[in-house]
Amino acid sequence: MMNALIRPKPRVKFEHHVSMMPLDGSSPRIRARACNVSEGGMFVRTAALLARGTKVEVNLVTHEFAFPFATAEVVWGRHEETRSG
């Protein structure tokens, strides 16, 4: 019940290759992996960290095409710690 208060829009598993292009042209197209999606947003895993507030064009990617999907704004990001074995 507590989770419903924190996240009012449920997330659905959605694993698909995507590409993102900052609308301001500040960096080249970024390859990424969508992990889940909701009415309010999408969690995307990528090696590039974009600044909060960056507006991006998001495309769904297949082997042959990139299909326009959404225009979005980065609202959260973090670097993952590199694990040594």
C-alpha atoms as a PDB file:
ATOM      1  CA  MET A   1       0.000   0.000   0.000  1.00  0.00           C
ATOM      2  CA  MET A   2       2.854   2.394   0.793  1.00  0.00           C
ATOM      3  CA  ASN A   3       4.280   1.934  -2.720  1.00  0.00           C
ATOM      4  CA  ALA A   4       1.012   3.197  -4.238  1.00  0.00           C
ATOM      5  CA  LEU A   5       1.487   6.455  -2.330  1.00  0.00           C
ATOM      6  CA  ILE A   6       5.054   6.886  -3.548  1.00  0.00           C
ATOM      7  CA  ARG A   7       4.424   5.873  -7.157  1.00  0.00           C
ATOM      8  CA  PRO A   8       0.802   6.509  -8.181  1.00  0.00           C
ATOM      9  CA  LYS A   9       1.314   5.360 -11.791  1.00  0.00           C
ATOM     10  CA  PRO A  10       2.285   1.665 -11.999  1.00  0.00           C
ATOM     11  CA  ARG A  11       5.379   0.674 -13.963  1.00  0.00           C
ATOM     12  CA  VAL A  12       5.294  -2.148 -16.485  1.00  0.00           C
ATOM     13  CA  LYS A  13       8.321  -4.204 -17.542  1.00  0.00           C
ATOM     14  CA  PHE A  14       9.326  -2.967 -21.010  1.00  0.00           C
ATOM     15  CA  GLU A  15      12.706  -4.148 -22.208  1.00  0.00           C
ATOM     16  CA  HIS A  16      13.628  -2.737 -25.587  1.00  0.00           C
ATOM     17  CA  HIS A  17      16.551  -1.025 -27.326  1.00  0.00           C
ATOM     18  CA  VAL A  18      16.068   2.719 -27.605  1.00  0.00           C
ATOM     19  CA  SER A  19      18.113   5.671 -28.745  1.00  0.00           C
ATOM     20  CA  MET A  20      18.005   9.155 -27.287  1.00  0.00           C
ATOM     21  CA  MET A  21      19.089  12.415 -28.872  1.00  0.00           C
ATOM     22  CA  PRO A  22      19.307  15.596 -26.786  1.00  0.00           C
ATOM     23  CA  LEU A  23      17.135  18.204 -28.515  1.00  0.00           C
ATOM     24  CA  ASP A  24      19.725  20.923 -27.876  1.00  0.00           C
ATOM     25  CA  GLY A  25      22.373  18.979 -29.835  1.00  0.00           C
ATOM     26  CA  SER A  26      24.677  18.840 -26.787  1.00  0.00           C
ATOM     27  CA  SER A  27      25.696  15.241 -27.501  1.00  0.00           C
ATOM     28  CA  PRO A  28      25.387  12.649 -30.261  1.00  0.00           C
ATOM     29  CA  ARG A  29      22.674  10.001 -30.319  1.00  0.00           C
ATOM     30  CA  ILE A  30      22.893   7.734 -27.262  1.00  0.00           C
ATOM     31  CA  ARG A  31      22.183   4.005 -27.387  1.00  0.00           C
ATOM     32  CA  ALA A  32      20.246   2.761 -24.380  1.00  0.00           C
ATOM     33  CA  ARG A  33      18.004   0.027 -23.018  1.00  0.00           C
ATOM     34  CA  ALA A  34      14.496   0.753 -21.742  1.00  0.00           C
ATOM     35  CA  CYS A  35      13.727  -1.339 -18.653  1.00  0.00           C
ATOM     36  CA  ASN A  36      10.233  -0.252 -17.655  1.00  0.00           C
ATOM     37  CA  VAL A  37       7.591   2.287 -18.599  1.00  0.00           C
ATOM     38  CA  SER A  38       4.590   3.975 -17.007  1.00  0.00           C
ATOM     39  CA  GLU A  39       2.114   6.659 -17.952  1.00  0.00           C
ATOM     40  CA  GLY A  40       4.475   9.145 -16.321  1.00  0.00           C
ATOM     41  CA  GLY A  41       7.854   8.011 -17.635  1.00  0.00           C
ATOM     42  CA  MET A  42      10.399   5.403 -18.630  1.00  0.00           C
ATOM     43  CA  PHE A  43      13.438   3.973 -16.866  1.00  0.00           C
ATOM     44  CA  VAL A  44      16.359   3.802 -19.304  1.00  0.00           C
ATOM     45  CA  ARG A  45      19.772   2.237 -18.660  1.00  0.00           C
ATOM     46  CA  THR A  46      22.684   3.798 -20.544  1.00  0.00           C
ATOM     47  CA  ALA A  47      26.409   4.408 -20.169  1.00  0.00           C
ATOM     48  CA  ALA A  48      25.907   8.155 -20.717  1.00  0.00           C
ATOM     49  CA  LEU A  49      24.647  10.323 -17.877  1.00  0.00           C
ATOM     50  CA  LEU A  50      22.501  13.224 -19.083  1.00  0.00           C
ATOM     51  CA  ALA A  51      21.897  16.271 -16.904  1.00  0.00           C
ATOM     52  CA  ARG A  52      18.554  16.687 -15.179  1.00  0.00           C
ATOM     53  CA  GLY A  53      16.302  18.850 -17.344  1.00  0.00           C
ATOM     54  CA  THR A  54      17.806  17.671 -20.652  1.00  0.00           C
ATOM     55  CA  LYS A  55      15.062  17.250 -23.229  1.00  0.00           C
ATOM     56  CA  VAL A  56      15.514  14.232 -25.515  1.00  0.00           C
ATOM     57  CA  GLU A  57      13.906  12.564 -28.488  1.00  0.00           C
ATOM     58  CA  VAL A  58      13.393   8.858 -27.743  1.00  0.00           C
ATOM     59  CA  ASN A  59      13.230   6.289 -30.557  1.00  0.00           C
ATOM     60  CA  LEU A  60      12.455   2.567 -30.409  1.00  0.00           C
ATOM     61  CA  VAL A  61      15.207   0.721 -32.263  1.00  0.00           C
ATOM     62  CA  THR A  62      14.999  -2.464 -34.323  1.00  0.00           C
ATOM     63  CA  HIS A  63      17.701  -4.087 -36.451  1.00  0.00           C
ATOM     64  CA  GLU A  64      16.591  -2.011 -39.430  1.00  0.00           C
ATOM     65  CA  PHE A  65      14.757   1.083 -38.196  1.00  0.00           C
ATOM     66  CA  ALA A  66      14.402   3.661 -35.425  1.00  0.00           C
ATOM     67  CA  PHE A  67      10.791   4.624 -34.758  1.00  0.00           C
ATOM     68  CA  PRO A  68       9.940   7.943 -33.046  1.00  0.00           C
ATOM     69  CA  PHE A  69       8.415   7.150 -29.657  1.00  0.00           C
ATOM     70  CA  ALA A  70       8.389  10.232 -27.411  1.00  0.00           C
ATOM     71  CA  THR A  71       9.900  13.543 -26.469  1.00  0.00           C
ATOM     72  CA  ALA A  72      10.958  13.407 -22.837  1.00  0.00           C
ATOM     73  CA  GLU A  73      12.871  15.223 -20.105  1.00  0.00           C
ATOM     74  CA  VAL A  74      15.540  13.699 -17.870  1.00  0.00           C
ATOM     75  CA  VAL A  75      14.323  13.919 -14.276  1.00  0.00           C
ATOM     76  CA  TRP A  76      16.741  11.562 -12.509  1.00  0.00           C
ATOM     77  CA  GLY A  77      20.102   9.914 -13.074  1.00  0.00           C
ATOM     78  CA  ARG A  78      22.983   8.233 -11.278  1.00  0.00           C
ATOM     79  CA  HIS A  79      26.357   6.670 -11.998  1.00  0.00           C
ATOM     80  CA  GLU A  80      26.638   3.000 -11.101  1.00  0.00           C
ATOM     81  CA  GLU A  81      29.681   1.930  -9.137  1.00  0.00           C
ATOM     82  CA  THR A  82      32.169  -0.086 -11.175  1.00  0.00           C
ATOM     83  CA  ARG A  83      32.569  -3.499  -9.580  1.00  0.00           C
ATOM     84  CA  SER A  84      35.956  -5.148  -9.591  1.00  0.00           C
ATOM     85  CA  GLY A  85      36.175  -8.907  -9.470  1.00  0.00           C
END
